[in-house]
Amino acid sequence: MSLEALVEDIKEQPISLSNHVEMIERVIGMVKKIDLSGGYVFTGIATSFYAMQAMEMWLRNIGKFNGALVNTTDLLDYDYPLAKDMRPLFVMSRSGESAEIVRLVKSVSPDRIVIGITENAASPLAQRANHLCQFHANEEAFTNTKSFTLSLAYALAIGIGLGYEFPIKPSAWVGEAVTALNEAMKQWDRAERIAAMLLNKETILIEAQGYLTGVANQASLDYQEIQVPSIPVTGGTLRHGTIELLARDDVALLVLAPMDGTLKRKVELLHDIHVRNRNVAAVISMEAQQIPSDLPTVLLPGIRKELQPLVYAFVVHMIYSSYARMKGLTTVQPILVDKVTRKE
């Protein structure tokens, strides 16, 4: 689980994604065949839950989300009783055997349709699933890099299966995503500049909105796993209490500005904060106008909004690995949890 392994996992993401085209096509076809007329439930923990947030937003945006996205622990402890709920259940978990997932598969009705999205075909989730969507991240490092990107891609595929209208075939959109990842990789030096700005700050805020919400959530989790306080600021809530943190010199802000109608507001936000706090950076469209020249940025070319979560996640991985190297880490390994979440 060395830092070199982390960097290799990141660099392998384009080829890993391209190797999953046929599996992504099968996921779309499989979802279309399941009777979902009575609704459905999506669930996952942490990385897996975050990977599904963009998919939920795409479907809500066109009025076709006929279900619920619920964190697995809340689903178990506070939601509609599992013994009564017979809606098809989509469960995403890289390991398929974390504590909450094991409890979940033991709690659902044996007659309930379960769709498992996991890497581990021998896991309790895979064994319980009526339909299995397997991916192959084969990560060497602890951090979820390839697995997060593939989970985002599979979530998009499921959304297409549920009726999201995407004008091109999987082979084409995966190809576009791979091209974008390779282009982004050429900006590693700019990612290093952002990492240098974040270095030695007491707290890192990561601002995002809409379909990049899950990317910000996952990015903050990554920093937390190396004991760096990080707070995702989502839903356009960088105001009131949160923005006051930027009055401190030891707090930094990374803005993930999507290529859509919110871009102008994000640029205005960057300007407003930059005047008061130099510890701000952005991952942003190269079409953005009037970005301060001394503001660290990774500038991304235009890409379909549906693919932006994959590309922004990739850039965030670049920044994170550069940060870990500059911090002097030789390994990325949390102390209190293993790769598989704690056992209950």
Protein backbone atom coordinates (compact mmCIF):
# COMPACT_ATOMS: atom_id res chain seq x y z
CA MET A 1 0.00 0.00 0.00
CA SER A 2 2.86 2.34 -0.85
CA LEU A 3 2.50 5.83 -2.25
CA GLU A 4 3.92 4.53 -5.53
CA ALA A 5 1.08 2.00 -5.66
CA LEU A 6 -1.44 4.81 -5.16
CA VAL A 7 0.01 6.79 -8.06
CA GLU A 8 -0.05 3.70 -10.29
CA ASP A 9 -3.68 3.03 -9.37
CA ILE A 10 -4.52 6.58 -10.45
CA LYS A 11 -2.60 6.36 -13.71
CA GLU A 12 -4.29 3.05 -14.55
CA GLN A 13 -7.79 4.51 -14.38
CA PRO A 14 -8.15 5.26 -18.12
CA ILE A 15 -7.26 1.71 -19.20
CA SER A 16 -9.29 0.24 -16.34
CA LEU A 17 -12.36 2.16 -17.45
CA SER A 18 -11.90 1.24 -21.11
CA ASN A 19 -11.69 -2.45 -20.13
CA HIS A 20 -15.21 -2.29 -18.68
CA VAL A 21 -17.18 -1.25 -21.76
CA GLU A 22 -18.81 -4.65 -22.28
CA MET A 23 -19.65 -4.99 -18.59
CA ILE A 24 -21.20 -1.52 -18.57
CA GLU A 25 -23.32 -2.47 -21.57
CA ARG A 26 -24.49 -5.59 -19.72
CA VAL A 27 -25.42 -3.53 -16.65
CA ILE A 28 -27.65 -1.26 -18.75
CA GLY A 29 -29.35 -4.23 -20.41
CA MET A 30 -29.84 -6.05 -17.11
CA VAL A 31 -31.45 -3.05 -15.37
CA LYS A 32 -33.86 -2.55 -18.27
CA LYS A 33 -35.16 -6.11 -17.83
CA ILE A 34 -36.00 -5.79 -14.12
CA ASP A 35 -39.56 -4.82 -13.17
CA LEU A 36 -39.06 -1.50 -11.39
CA SER A 37 -42.57 -0.16 -11.87
CA GLY A 38 -43.19 -0.19 -8.10
CA GLY A 39 -40.10 1.84 -7.31
CA TYR A 40 -36.65 0.86 -6.03
CA VAL A 41 -34.05 1.62 -3.37
CA PHE A 42 -30.35 2.39 -3.74
CA THR A 43 -27.97 1.96 -0.85
CA GLY A 44 -24.28 1.95 -0.03
CA ILE A 45 -21.74 3.15 2.51
CA ALA A 46 -19.31 6.06 2.10
CA THR A 47 -17.53 5.71 -1.28
CA SER A 48 -20.29 3.59 -2.79
CA PHE A 49 -23.03 5.91 -1.52
CA TYR A 50 -21.18 8.95 -2.87
CA ALA A 51 -20.77 7.29 -6.28
CA MET A 52 -24.55 7.05 -6.64
CA GLN A 53 -25.34 10.67 -5.80
CA ALA A 54 -24.77 11.97 -9.34
CA MET A 55 -26.96 9.24 -10.83
CA GLU A 56 -29.81 10.19 -8.51
CA MET A 57 -29.46 13.83 -9.59
CA TRP A 58 -29.52 13.00 -13.32
CA LEU A 59 -32.77 11.08 -12.89
CA ARG A 60 -34.35 13.71 -10.66
CA ASN A 61 -33.47 16.37 -13.22
CA ILE A 62 -35.66 14.67 -15.83
CA GLY A 63 -38.38 13.56 -13.40
CA LYS A 64 -37.55 9.86 -13.65
CA PHE A 65 -36.23 9.02 -10.18
CA ASN A 66 -38.89 6.73 -8.74
CA GLY A 67 -37.03 5.53 -5.70
CA ALA A 68 -34.82 6.38 -2.76
CA LEU A 69 -31.09 6.66 -2.13
CA VAL A 70 -30.39 5.82 1.52
CA ASN A 71 -27.14 5.31 3.41
CA THR A 72 -27.02 1.64 4.40
CA THR A 73 -26.75 2.24 8.14
CA ASP A 74 -29.77 4.55 8.07
CA LEU A 75 -31.60 2.04 5.90
CA LEU A 76 -30.97 -0.62 8.53
CA ASP A 77 -31.65 1.45 11.61
CA TYR A 78 -34.20 4.12 10.72
CA ASP A 79 -35.87 3.56 7.35
CA TYR A 80 -39.00 1.65 6.35
CA PRO A 81 -38.68 -1.85 7.88
CA LEU A 82 -36.66 -4.12 5.62
CA ALA A 83 -38.93 -7.07 6.31
CA LYS A 84 -41.85 -5.15 4.75
CA ASP A 85 -40.10 -3.44 1.84
CA MET A 86 -40.18 -5.50 -1.35
CA ARG A 87 -38.96 -2.85 -3.79
CA PRO A 88 -35.92 -4.00 -5.78
CA LEU A 89 -32.80 -3.12 -3.82
CA PHE A 90 -29.60 -1.88 -5.52
CA VAL A 91 -26.63 -2.39 -3.19
CA MET A 92 -23.22 -0.98 -4.11
CA SER A 93 -20.16 -2.07 -2.13
CA ARG A 94 -16.60 -2.55 -3.40
CA SER A 95 -15.87 -5.33 -0.91
CA GLY A 96 -19.40 -6.65 -0.60
CA GLU A 97 -18.60 -7.68 2.96
CA SER A 98 -18.37 -4.58 5.15
CA ALA A 99 -20.20 -4.81 8.45
CA GLU A 100 -23.32 -2.93 7.35
CA ILE A 101 -23.61 -4.84 4.07
CA VAL A 102 -23.38 -8.20 5.84
CA ARG A 103 -26.13 -7.11 8.21
CA LEU A 104 -28.19 -5.85 5.30
CA VAL A 105 -28.13 -9.06 3.27
CA LYS A 106 -29.15 -11.00 6.36
CA SER A 107 -32.06 -8.63 7.03
CA VAL A 108 -33.81 -8.33 3.67
CA SER A 109 -36.61 -10.67 2.75
CA PRO A 110 -35.43 -13.76 0.85
CA ASP A 111 -38.06 -12.93 -1.77
CA ARG A 112 -36.78 -9.43 -2.42
CA ILE A 113 -34.88 -8.70 -5.64
CA VAL A 114 -31.33 -7.58 -4.85
CA ILE A 115 -28.97 -6.11 -7.43
CA GLY A 116 -25.37 -6.22 -6.19
CA ILE A 117 -22.67 -3.91 -7.55
CA THR A 118 -19.34 -5.14 -6.19
CA GLU A 119 -15.82 -6.22 -7.03
CA ASN A 120 -15.91 -9.31 -4.87
CA ALA A 121 -17.83 -12.18 -6.47
CA ALA A 122 -17.30 -14.34 -3.36
CA SER A 123 -18.73 -11.74 -0.97
CA PRO A 124 -21.99 -12.10 0.99
CA LEU A 125 -23.49 -9.38 -1.22
CA ALA A 126 -22.62 -11.19 -4.43
CA GLN A 127 -23.91 -14.49 -3.05
CA ARG A 128 -27.24 -12.92 -2.08
CA ALA A 129 -27.71 -10.89 -5.25
CA ASN A 130 -30.29 -11.98 -7.80
CA HIS A 131 -28.41 -9.87 -10.33
CA LEU A 132 -24.67 -9.22 -10.07
CA CYS A 133 -22.85 -6.23 -11.58
CA GLN A 134 -19.19 -7.00 -11.00
CA PHE A 135 -16.27 -4.68 -11.69
CA HIS A 136 -12.53 -5.25 -11.49
CA ALA A 137 -10.56 -2.39 -9.95
CA ASN A 138 -7.67 -4.51 -8.65
CA GLU A 139 -6.30 -1.66 -6.57
CA GLU A 140 -2.93 -2.03 -4.91
CA ALA A 141 -3.22 0.95 -2.57
CA PHE A 142 -5.75 1.53 0.21
CA THR A 143 -7.40 4.59 -1.33
CA ASN A 144 -10.49 4.06 -3.50
CA THR A 145 -9.35 5.47 -6.84
CA LYS A 146 -10.07 3.03 -9.66
CA SER A 147 -12.96 1.57 -7.70
CA PHE A 148 -14.54 5.01 -7.22
CA THR A 149 -14.23 5.85 -10.92
CA LEU A 150 -15.72 2.50 -11.91
CA SER A 151 -18.51 2.91 -9.35
CA LEU A 152 -19.35 6.30 -10.88
CA ALA A 153 -19.43 4.73 -14.34
CA TYR A 154 -21.61 1.83 -13.19
CA ALA A 155 -23.98 4.24 -11.43
CA LEU A 156 -24.34 6.19 -14.67
CA ALA A 157 -25.00 2.93 -16.52
CA ILE A 158 -27.71 2.02 -14.02
CA GLY A 159 -29.24 5.47 -14.48
CA ILE A 160 -29.35 4.90 -18.24
CA GLY A 161 -31.01 1.55 -17.60
CA LEU A 162 -33.60 3.36 -15.50
CA GLY A 163 -34.46 5.74 -18.31
CA TYR A 164 -31.88 8.50 -18.32
CA GLU A 165 -31.63 9.63 -21.93
CA PHE A 166 -28.00 9.52 -23.01
CA PRO A 167 -27.55 10.17 -26.75
CA ILE A 168 -24.49 7.97 -27.34
CA LYS A 169 -23.62 4.32 -26.78
CA PRO A 170 -21.50 3.14 -23.83
CA SER A 171 -18.49 2.50 -26.04
CA ALA A 172 -18.62 6.13 -27.16
CA TRP A 173 -19.12 7.76 -23.76
CA VAL A 174 -16.53 5.56 -22.11
CA GLY A 175 -14.17 6.52 -24.93
CA GLU A 176 -14.86 10.21 -24.30
CA ALA A 177 -14.25 9.75 -20.59
CA VAL A 178 -10.97 7.91 -21.20
CA THR A 179 -9.79 10.69 -23.52
CA ALA A 180 -10.67 13.29 -20.88
CA LEU A 181 -8.81 11.38 -18.16
CA ASN A 182 -5.70 11.14 -20.33
CA GLU A 183 -5.89 14.86 -21.08
CA ALA A 184 -6.31 15.67 -17.40
CA MET A 185 -3.25 13.59 -16.57
CA LYS A 186 -1.15 16.05 -18.56
CA GLN A 187 -1.93 18.66 -15.90
CA TRP A 188 -0.29 16.85 -13.00
CA ASP A 189 2.00 19.84 -12.49
CA ARG A 190 -1.05 22.05 -11.94
CA ALA A 191 -2.45 19.49 -9.52
CA GLU A 192 0.86 19.67 -7.63
CA ARG A 193 0.52 23.44 -7.37
CA ILE A 194 -2.89 22.99 -5.73
CA ALA A 195 -1.46 20.34 -3.40
CA ALA A 196 1.31 22.70 -2.37
CA MET A 197 -1.27 25.34 -1.46
CA LEU A 198 -3.23 22.82 0.65
CA LEU A 199 -0.13 21.54 2.41
CA ASN A 200 0.22 22.27 6.14
CA LYS A 201 -3.23 23.78 6.43
CA GLU A 202 -5.16 22.78 9.52
CA THR A 203 -8.38 22.12 7.59
CA ILE A 204 -9.28 21.64 3.94
CA LEU A 205 -12.75 22.63 2.71
CA ILE A 206 -13.92 21.07 -0.57
CA GLU A 207 -16.83 22.90 -2.21
CA ALA A 208 -19.07 21.29 -4.82
CA GLN A 209 -22.68 21.22 -5.86
CA GLY A 210 -25.12 19.09 -7.85
CA TYR A 211 -23.62 16.13 -9.64
CA LEU A 212 -20.15 16.81 -8.15
CA THR A 213 -21.45 16.47 -4.58
CA GLY A 214 -20.35 12.85 -4.28
CA VAL A 215 -16.87 13.72 -5.59
CA ALA A 216 -16.42 16.33 -2.84
CA ASN A 217 -17.69 13.91 -0.20
CA GLN A 218 -15.26 11.23 -1.32
CA ALA A 219 -12.34 13.66 -1.59
CA SER A 220 -12.85 14.81 2.00
CA LEU A 221 -13.03 11.19 3.13
CA ASP A 222 -9.65 10.52 1.47
CA TYR A 223 -7.97 13.32 3.42
CA GLN A 224 -9.65 12.24 6.63
CA GLU A 225 -8.16 8.77 6.17
CA ILE A 226 -4.67 10.27 6.47
CA GLN A 227 -5.81 12.23 9.55
CA VAL A 228 -6.15 15.57 7.76
CA PRO A 229 -9.34 17.39 8.80
CA SER A 230 -11.43 17.98 5.68
CA ILE A 231 -15.00 19.15 5.29
CA PRO A 232 -17.15 18.74 2.17
CA VAL A 233 -19.19 21.90 1.60
CA THR A 234 -22.06 20.88 -0.68
CA GLY A 235 -25.42 22.13 -1.82
CA GLY A 236 -24.22 25.69 -2.37
CA THR A 237 -23.89 26.22 1.39
CA LEU A 238 -20.54 28.04 1.50
CA ARG A 239 -22.02 30.85 3.53
CA HIS A 240 -22.95 31.65 7.13
CA GLY A 241 -20.82 29.50 9.46
CA THR A 242 -18.79 27.63 6.87
CA ILE A 243 -17.46 30.66 5.03
CA GLU A 244 -16.29 32.17 8.33
CA LEU A 245 -13.71 29.39 8.58
CA LEU A 246 -11.91 31.04 5.66
CA ALA A 247 -11.07 34.00 7.88
CA ARG A 248 -8.41 31.71 9.34
CA ASP A 249 -5.02 31.49 7.64
CA ASP A 250 -4.79 27.77 8.37
CA VAL A 251 -7.93 26.86 6.37
CA ALA A 252 -7.82 26.22 2.62
CA LEU A 253 -10.61 25.87 0.06
CA LEU A 254 -10.73 23.72 -3.07
CA VAL A 255 -13.66 24.53 -5.37
CA LEU A 256 -14.93 21.95 -7.87
CA ALA A 257 -16.67 24.17 -10.41
CA PRO A 258 -18.80 22.23 -12.92
CA MET A 259 -19.18 23.13 -16.58
CA ASP A 260 -22.79 24.24 -16.47
CA GLY A 261 -24.99 27.20 -15.61
CA THR A 262 -23.44 27.54 -12.15
CA LEU A 263 -19.96 28.29 -13.53
CA LYS A 264 -20.38 32.08 -13.47
CA ARG A 265 -21.45 32.00 -9.83
CA LYS A 266 -18.50 29.77 -8.93
CA VAL A 267 -16.09 32.23 -10.57
CA GLU A 268 -17.66 35.07 -8.59
CA LEU A 269 -17.29 32.97 -5.43
CA LEU A 270 -13.61 32.39 -6.19
CA HIS A 271 -13.04 36.12 -6.69
CA ASP A 272 -14.83 37.05 -3.46
CA ILE A 273 -12.88 34.56 -1.37
CA HIS A 274 -9.55 35.15 -3.11
CA VAL A 275 -9.63 38.80 -2.09
CA ARG A 276 -9.76 37.80 1.58
CA ASN A 277 -7.96 34.46 1.64
CA ARG A 278 -5.16 33.36 -0.68
CA ASN A 279 -5.62 29.74 0.30
CA VAL A 280 -8.11 28.93 -2.45
CA ALA A 281 -7.84 26.79 -5.58
CA ALA A 282 -10.17 25.36 -8.20
CA VAL A 283 -10.75 22.54 -10.63
CA ILE A 284 -12.61 24.40 -13.34
CA SER A 285 -13.40 24.68 -17.03
CA MET A 286 -10.74 26.27 -19.19
CA GLU A 287 -13.60 28.34 -20.62
CA ALA A 288 -13.98 30.17 -17.30
CA GLN A 289 -13.28 33.86 -17.66
CA GLN A 290 -11.25 36.20 -15.43
CA ILE A 291 -9.74 33.67 -13.04
CA PRO A 292 -7.07 35.38 -10.91
CA SER A 293 -3.67 34.52 -12.39
CA ASP A 294 -2.20 33.57 -9.02
CA LEU A 295 -5.06 31.24 -8.13
CA PRO A 296 -3.95 27.58 -8.49
CA THR A 297 -6.17 25.76 -10.98
CA VAL A 298 -6.53 22.62 -13.01
CA LEU A 299 -8.23 23.69 -16.23
CA LEU A 300 -10.41 21.08 -17.91
CA PRO A 301 -11.61 21.03 -21.52
CA GLY A 302 -15.30 20.78 -22.27
CA ILE A 303 -16.91 17.43 -21.55
CA ARG A 304 -20.48 16.16 -21.24
CA LYS A 305 -21.96 16.90 -17.84
CA GLU A 306 -22.70 13.20 -17.27
CA LEU A 307 -18.98 12.40 -17.48
CA GLN A 308 -17.75 15.29 -15.37
CA PRO A 309 -17.92 13.37 -12.04
CA LEU A 310 -15.44 10.80 -13.41
CA VAL A 311 -13.02 13.47 -14.61
CA TYR A 312 -13.22 15.69 -11.54
CA ALA A 313 -12.74 12.64 -9.30
CA PHE A 314 -9.63 11.75 -11.29
CA VAL A 315 -8.16 15.24 -10.89
CA VAL A 316 -8.92 15.18 -7.16
CA HIS A 317 -6.99 11.88 -6.97
CA MET A 318 -4.03 13.59 -8.67
CA ILE A 319 -4.12 16.42 -6.14
CA TYR A 320 -4.45 14.00 -3.23
CA SER A 321 -1.51 11.82 -4.24
CA SER A 322 0.65 14.92 -4.75
CA TYR A 323 -0.39 16.19 -1.32
CA ALA A 324 0.50 12.86 0.30
CA ARG A 325 3.94 12.89 -1.33
CA MET A 326 4.64 16.49 -0.30
CA LYS A 327 3.56 15.65 3.24
CA GLY A 328 6.28 13.01 3.31
CA LEU A 329 4.00 9.98 3.44
CA THR A 330 5.46 6.76 2.07
CA THR A 331 2.27 4.76 2.62
CA VAL A 332 -1.42 5.61 2.73
CA GLN A 333 -2.86 3.35 5.41
CA PRO A 334 -5.43 4.34 8.04
CA ILE A 335 -4.84 3.05 11.55
CA LEU A 336 -8.37 2.33 12.75
CA VAL A 337 -9.89 0.52 9.72
CA ASP A 338 -8.78 -2.03 7.17
CA LYS A 339 -9.61 -1.91 3.44
CA VAL A 340 -12.82 -3.67 4.43
CA THR A 341 -14.77 -1.57 6.90
CA ARG A 342 -14.67 -2.65 10.55
CA LYS A 343 -16.60 -5.68 11.66
CA GLU A 344 -19.60 -5.29 13.98
